[in-house]
C-alpha atoms as a PDB file:
ATOM      1  CA  MET A   1      53.147   2.621  17.825  1.00  0.00           C
ATOM      2  CA  LYS A   2      53.390  -0.495  15.596  1.00  0.00           C
ATOM      3  CA  LYS A   3      50.875  -2.277  17.805  1.00  0.00           C
ATOM      4  CA  PHE A   4      48.440   0.615  17.474  1.00  0.00           C
ATOM      5  CA  ILE A   5      48.753   0.615  13.667  1.00  0.00           C
ATOM      6  CA  LYS A   6      48.358  -3.179  13.564  1.00  0.00           C
ATOM      7  CA  GLU A   7      45.143  -2.917  15.600  1.00  0.00           C
ATOM      8  CA  LEU A   8      43.875  -0.084  13.420  1.00  0.00           C
ATOM      9  CA  ILE A   9      44.291  -1.929  10.075  1.00  0.00           C
ATOM     10  CA  PRO A  10      41.151  -4.153  10.407  1.00  0.00           C
ATOM     11  CA  TYR A  11      39.020  -1.065  11.123  1.00  0.00           C
ATOM     12  CA  ILE A  12      40.430   0.742   8.109  1.00  0.00           C
ATOM     13  CA  ILE A  13      39.694  -2.289   5.927  1.00  0.00           C
ATOM     14  CA  ILE A  14      36.100  -2.428   7.223  1.00  0.00           C
ATOM     15  CA  ILE A  15      35.576   1.258   6.493  1.00  0.00           C
ATOM     16  CA  VAL A  16      36.999   0.942   2.974  1.00  0.00           C
ATOM     17  CA  VAL A  17      34.818  -2.112   2.229  1.00  0.00           C
ATOM     18  CA  VAL A  18      31.664  -0.360   3.517  1.00  0.00           C
ATOM     19  CA  VAL A  19      32.402   2.759   1.452  1.00  0.00           C
ATOM     20  CA  LEU A  20      33.017   0.670  -1.682  1.00  0.00           C
ATOM     21  CA  ILE A  21      29.832  -1.374  -1.204  1.00  0.00           C
ATOM     22  CA  ARG A  22      27.748   1.748  -0.612  1.00  0.00           C
ATOM     23  CA  SER A  23      29.298   3.597  -3.545  1.00  0.00           C
ATOM     24  CA  PHE A  24      29.118   0.864  -6.168  1.00  0.00           C
ATOM     25  CA  ILE A  25      26.787  -1.974  -5.131  1.00  0.00           C
ATOM     26  CA  ILE A  26      23.934  -1.181  -2.756  1.00  0.00           C
ATOM     27  CA  THR A  27      22.848   1.882  -0.827  1.00  0.00           C
ATOM     28  CA  PRO A  28      19.806   2.987   1.174  1.00  0.00           C
ATOM     29  CA  VAL A  29      17.329   5.498  -0.270  1.00  0.00           C
ATOM     30  CA  GLU A  30      14.359   7.131   1.431  1.00  0.00           C
ATOM     31  CA  VAL A  31      10.952   7.547  -0.205  1.00  0.00           C
ATOM     32  CA  ASP A  32      10.078  11.240  -0.194  1.00  0.00           C
ATOM     33  CA  GLY A  33       6.427  12.119  -0.705  1.00  0.00           C
ATOM     34  CA  ALA A  34       3.244  10.351  -1.707  1.00  0.00           C
ATOM     35  CA  SER A  35       3.890   9.783  -5.433  1.00  0.00           C
ATOM     36  CA  MET A  36       4.385   6.000  -5.099  1.00  0.00           C
ATOM     37  CA  GLU A  37       1.426   5.240  -2.805  1.00  0.00           C
ATOM     38  CA  ASN A  38      -0.005   2.576  -2.331  1.00  0.00           C
ATOM     39  CA  THR A  39       3.150   0.609  -3.124  1.00  0.00           C
ATOM     40  CA  LEU A  40       5.575   2.803  -1.161  1.00  0.00           C
ATOM     41  CA  HIS A  41       4.959   5.496   1.443  1.00  0.00           C
ATOM     42  CA  ASP A  42       6.711   8.654   2.564  1.00  0.00           C
ATOM     43  CA  GLY A  43       9.613   7.919   4.902  1.00  0.00           C
ATOM     44  CA  GLU A  44      10.060   4.269   3.964  1.00  0.00           C
ATOM     45  CA  LEU A  45      13.655   3.159   3.575  1.00  0.00           C
ATOM     46  CA  LEU A  46      14.624   1.050   0.562  1.00  0.00           C
ATOM     47  CA  MET A  47      17.771  -0.694  -0.560  1.00  0.00           C
ATOM     48  CA  LEU A  48      18.865   0.437  -3.994  1.00  0.00           C
ATOM     49  CA  SER A  49      20.842  -1.967  -6.160  1.00  0.00           C
ATOM     50  CA  LYS A  50      23.335   0.031  -8.200  1.00  0.00           C
ATOM     51  CA  ILE A  51      24.562  -3.025 -10.106  1.00  0.00           C
ATOM     52  CA  SER A  52      21.202  -4.467 -11.227  1.00  0.00           C
ATOM     53  CA  TYR A  53      21.244  -2.617 -14.529  1.00  0.00           C
ATOM     54  CA  LYS A  54      24.886  -3.358 -15.174  1.00  0.00           C
ATOM     55  CA  ILE A  55      24.025  -7.075 -15.347  1.00  0.00           C
ATOM     56  CA  SER A  56      20.462  -6.901 -16.730  1.00  0.00           C
ATOM     57  CA  ASP A  57      18.189  -4.544 -18.643  1.00  0.00           C
ATOM     58  CA  ILE A  58      15.655  -2.141 -17.186  1.00  0.00           C
ATOM     59  CA  LYS A  59      12.245  -3.808 -17.321  1.00  0.00           C
ATOM     60  CA  ARG A  60       8.728  -2.484 -17.529  1.00  0.00           C
ATOM     61  CA  PHE A  61       7.193  -1.895 -14.075  1.00  0.00           C
ATOM     62  CA  ASP A  62      10.580  -1.891 -12.288  1.00  0.00           C
ATOM     63  CA  ILE A  63      10.769   0.609  -9.444  1.00  0.00           C
ATOM     64  CA  VAL A  64      13.784   2.790 -10.141  1.00  0.00           C
ATOM     65  CA  VAL A  65      15.613   5.586  -8.374  1.00  0.00           C
ATOM     66  CA  ILE A  66      16.370   8.582 -10.558  1.00  0.00           C
ATOM     67  CA  ASN A  67      19.009  11.216 -10.031  1.00  0.00           C
ATOM     68  CA  LYS A  68      17.246  14.564 -10.319  1.00  0.00           C
ATOM     69  CA  GLY A  69      19.844  17.158  -9.427  1.00  0.00           C
ATOM     70  CA  SER A  70      20.580  16.823  -5.735  1.00  0.00           C
ATOM     71  CA  ASP A  71      17.374  14.815  -5.209  1.00  0.00           C
ATOM     72  CA  LYS A  72      16.733  11.121  -5.664  1.00  0.00           C
ATOM     73  CA  VAL A  73      13.215  10.273  -6.824  1.00  0.00           C
ATOM     74  CA  VAL A  74      11.488   6.896  -6.882  1.00  0.00           C
ATOM     75  CA  LYS A  75       9.235   6.048  -9.855  1.00  0.00           C
ATOM     76  CA  ARG A  76       7.948   3.074 -11.837  1.00  0.00           C
ATOM     77  CA  VAL A  77       9.116   2.355 -15.401  1.00  0.00           C
ATOM     78  CA  ILE A  78       6.137   2.233 -17.759  1.00  0.00           C
ATOM     79  CA  GLY A  79       7.682   2.736 -21.195  1.00  0.00           C
ATOM     80  CA  LEU A  80      10.937   1.378 -22.618  1.00  0.00           C
ATOM     81  CA  PRO A  81      12.956   2.673 -25.600  1.00  0.00           C
ATOM     82  CA  GLY A  82      11.066   1.945 -28.824  1.00  0.00           C
ATOM     83  CA  ASP A  83       7.683   1.590 -27.094  1.00  0.00           C
ATOM     84  CA  LYS A  84       4.606   3.442 -28.224  1.00  0.00           C
ATOM     85  CA  VAL A  85       2.827   4.367 -24.978  1.00  0.00           C
ATOM     86  CA  GLU A  86      -0.575   5.924 -24.586  1.00  0.00           C
ATOM     87  CA  TYR A  87      -3.131   6.368 -21.829  1.00  0.00           C
ATOM     88  CA  SER A  88      -6.688   6.696 -23.080  1.00  0.00           C
ATOM     89  CA  ASN A  89      -9.848   6.510 -20.970  1.00  0.00           C
ATOM     90  CA  ASN A  90      -7.734   5.423 -17.986  1.00  0.00           C
ATOM     91  CA  LYS A  91      -6.327   2.442 -19.884  1.00  0.00           C
ATOM     92  CA  LEU A  92      -2.642   1.844 -20.634  1.00  0.00           C
ATOM     93  CA  TYR A  93      -1.732   0.942 -24.207  1.00  0.00           C
ATOM     94  CA  ILE A  94       1.771  -0.173 -25.100  1.00  0.00           C
ATOM     95  CA  ASN A  95       2.486  -0.754 -28.773  1.00  0.00           C
ATOM     96  CA  ASP A  96      -1.281  -0.497 -29.442  1.00  0.00           C
ATOM     97  CA  LYS A  97      -2.143  -3.324 -27.012  1.00  0.00           C
ATOM     98  CA  GLU A  98      -3.945  -2.763 -23.734  1.00  0.00           C
ATOM     99  CA  VAL A  99      -1.737  -3.609 -20.745  1.00  0.00           C
ATOM    100  CA  LYS A 100      -3.157  -4.051 -17.262  1.00  0.00           C
ATOM    101  CA  ASP A 101      -1.778  -1.323 -15.001  1.00  0.00           C
ATOM    102  CA  ILE A 102      -2.246  -2.897 -11.570  1.00  0.00           C
ATOM    103  CA  TYR A 103      -0.043  -0.339  -9.819  1.00  0.00           C
ATOM    104  CA  ALA A 104      -2.008   2.855 -10.491  1.00  0.00           C
ATOM    105  CA  LYS A 105      -3.640   4.135  -7.294  1.00  0.00           C
ATOM    106  CA  ASN A 106      -6.100   6.373  -9.101  1.00  0.00           C
ATOM    107  CA  ALA A 107      -7.128   7.567 -12.548  1.00  0.00           C
ATOM    108  CA  THR A 108      -4.499   8.582 -15.086  1.00  0.00           C
ATOM    109  CA  GLU A 109      -5.256  11.457 -17.439  1.00  0.00           C
ATOM    110  CA  ASP A 110      -4.926  10.741 -21.151  1.00  0.00           C
ATOM    111  CA  PHE A 111      -1.506  11.291 -22.753  1.00  0.00           C
ATOM    112  CA  ASN A 112       0.667   9.943 -25.554  1.00  0.00           C
ATOM    113  CA  ILE A 113       4.296  10.083 -26.673  1.00  0.00           C
ATOM    114  CA  LYS A 114       3.896  13.450 -28.414  1.00  0.00           C
ATOM    115  CA  ASP A 115       2.489  14.987 -25.213  1.00  0.00           C
ATOM    116  CA  ILE A 116       5.559  13.804 -23.265  1.00  0.00           C
ATOM    117  CA  CYS A 117       7.921  14.975 -26.020  1.00  0.00           C
ATOM    118  CA  MET A 118       6.450  18.478 -26.071  1.00  0.00           C
ATOM    119  CA  ILE A 119       7.311  19.008 -22.407  1.00  0.00           C
ATOM    120  CA  LYS A 120      10.950  19.602 -23.384  1.00  0.00           C
ATOM    121  CA  GLU A 121      10.838  20.039 -27.172  1.00  0.00           C
ATOM    122  CA  ASP A 122       9.096  22.264 -29.698  1.00  0.00           C
ATOM    123  CA  VAL A 123       6.167  20.709 -31.516  1.00  0.00           C
ATOM    124  CA  GLU A 124       8.237  20.616 -34.739  1.00  0.00           C
ATOM    125  CA  LYS A 125      10.823  18.343 -33.102  1.00  0.00           C
ATOM    126  CA  CYS A 126       8.196  15.892 -31.814  1.00  0.00           C
ATOM    127  CA  THR A 127       7.864  13.842 -34.971  1.00  0.00           C
ATOM    128  CA  TYR A 128       8.443  10.432 -33.393  1.00  0.00           C
ATOM    129  CA  ASP A 129       5.714   8.242 -31.937  1.00  0.00           C
ATOM    130  CA  THR A 130       7.882   5.909 -29.854  1.00  0.00           C
ATOM    131  CA  ILE A 131      10.163   6.488 -26.888  1.00  0.00           C
ATOM    132  CA  PRO A 132      13.642   7.460 -28.158  1.00  0.00           C
ATOM    133  CA  GLU A 133      16.664   5.184 -27.586  1.00  0.00           C
ATOM    134  CA  GLY A 134      18.214   5.593 -24.153  1.00  0.00           C
ATOM    135  CA  MET A 135      15.046   7.172 -22.731  1.00  0.00           C
ATOM    136  CA  TYR A 136      12.298   5.854 -20.430  1.00  0.00           C
ATOM    137  CA  LEU A 137       8.792   6.884 -19.483  1.00  0.00           C
ATOM    138  CA  VAL A 138       8.269   6.725 -15.717  1.00  0.00           C
ATOM    139  CA  LEU A 139       5.180   7.344 -13.587  1.00  0.00           C
ATOM    140  CA  GLY A 140       4.437   7.405  -9.893  1.00  0.00           C
ATOM    141  CA  ASP A 141       1.777   4.953  -8.737  1.00  0.00           C
ATOM    142  CA  ASN A 142      -0.217   7.814  -7.173  1.00  0.00           C
ATOM    143  CA  ARG A 143      -0.911   9.588 -10.460  1.00  0.00           C
ATOM    144  CA  LEU A 144      -2.772  12.577  -8.984  1.00  0.00           C
ATOM    145  CA  VAL A 145       0.283  13.865  -7.068  1.00  0.00           C
ATOM    146  CA  SER A 146       3.237  12.436  -8.966  1.00  0.00           C
ATOM    147  CA  ALA A 147       5.705  14.680 -10.788  1.00  0.00           C
ATOM    148  CA  ASP A 148       6.890  12.174 -13.383  1.00  0.00           C
ATOM    149  CA  SER A 149       7.347  11.899 -17.158  1.00  0.00           C
ATOM    150  CA  ARG A 150       4.020  13.670 -17.687  1.00  0.00           C
ATOM    151  CA  THR A 151       5.530  16.835 -16.176  1.00  0.00           C
ATOM    152  CA  ASN A 152       9.285  16.282 -16.606  1.00  0.00           C
ATOM    153  CA  GLY A 153       9.522  14.445 -19.930  1.00  0.00           C
ATOM    154  CA  PHE A 154      11.378  11.236 -20.686  1.00  0.00           C
ATOM    155  CA  ILE A 155      14.073  10.061 -18.283  1.00  0.00           C
ATOM    156  CA  ASN A 156      17.559   9.521 -19.673  1.00  0.00           C
ATOM    157  CA  GLU A 157      19.004   6.081 -18.910  1.00  0.00           C
ATOM    158  CA  ASP A 158      22.094   7.772 -17.438  1.00  0.00           C
ATOM    159  CA  ASP A 159      19.889   9.401 -14.772  1.00  0.00           C
ATOM    160  CA  ILE A 160      18.635   6.043 -13.488  1.00  0.00           C
ATOM    161  CA  ILE A 161      20.821   5.193 -10.508  1.00  0.00           C
ATOM    162  CA  GLY A 162      19.472   1.698  -9.975  1.00  0.00           C
ATOM    163  CA  LYS A 163      16.594  -0.542  -8.990  1.00  0.00           C
ATOM    164  CA  ALA A 164      14.780  -0.383  -5.655  1.00  0.00           C
ATOM    165  CA  ILE A 165      14.726  -4.008  -4.544  1.00  0.00           C
ATOM    166  CA  PHE A 166      14.100  -4.279  -0.819  1.00  0.00           C
ATOM    167  CA  ARG A 167      12.222  -2.340   1.856  1.00  0.00           C
ATOM    168  CA  ILE A 168      14.071  -2.187   5.191  1.00  0.00           C
ATOM    169  CA  TRP A 169      11.854   0.311   7.042  1.00  0.00           C
ATOM    170  CA  PRO A 170       9.312   0.160   8.572  1.00  0.00           C
ATOM    171  CA  LEU A 171      10.102  -3.193  10.096  1.00  0.00           C
ATOM    172  CA  ASN A 172       6.529  -4.484   9.735  1.00  0.00           C
ATOM    173  CA  LYS A 173       6.869  -4.095   5.917  1.00  0.00           C
ATOM    174  CA  ILE A 174      10.406  -5.411   5.510  1.00  0.00           C
ATOM    175  CA  GLY A 175      10.902  -7.450   2.330  1.00  0.00           C
ATOM    176  CA  LEU A 176      11.125  -7.422  -1.452  1.00  0.00           C
ATOM    177  CA  ILE A 177       9.162  -4.753  -3.298  1.00  0.00           C
ATOM    178  CA  ASN A 178       7.524  -4.871  -6.704  1.00  0.00           C
END
């Protein structure tokens, strides 16, 4: 019996290490749907870094995974806390300066901070013109089909699970993503 337990200990250690790594450091996530095309496609498998934002800040244009109930959704960060964001005539303006949006697959309808605010708040509560602290504006790259901040409002920082950093499937596209 002692020999059996001694032989079993390395396997138990391996299982514990794998569970800890997957729970706290890095885990796979599957892209579901067409909202991130042309950057990411339905069924692709990504590695999600759960510790990235514990050691650095969320940055504009990062691809993040968001906890949305029992679902995990993949989107791109466009607006950071304190930013004034607006789309007008298919151009992105951040803090009143035009920013090149190289990730958008197709046209983006006009919107501003008040439009996003009014998705979840009454018009009387939407008196601010910048993204509130602890909140982010996220969009899918395929703007025509993406359910993102334009339909769901700002994303709370606590709902961002981590940063998508590496594509592991399909094998012909394996590598870092941006």
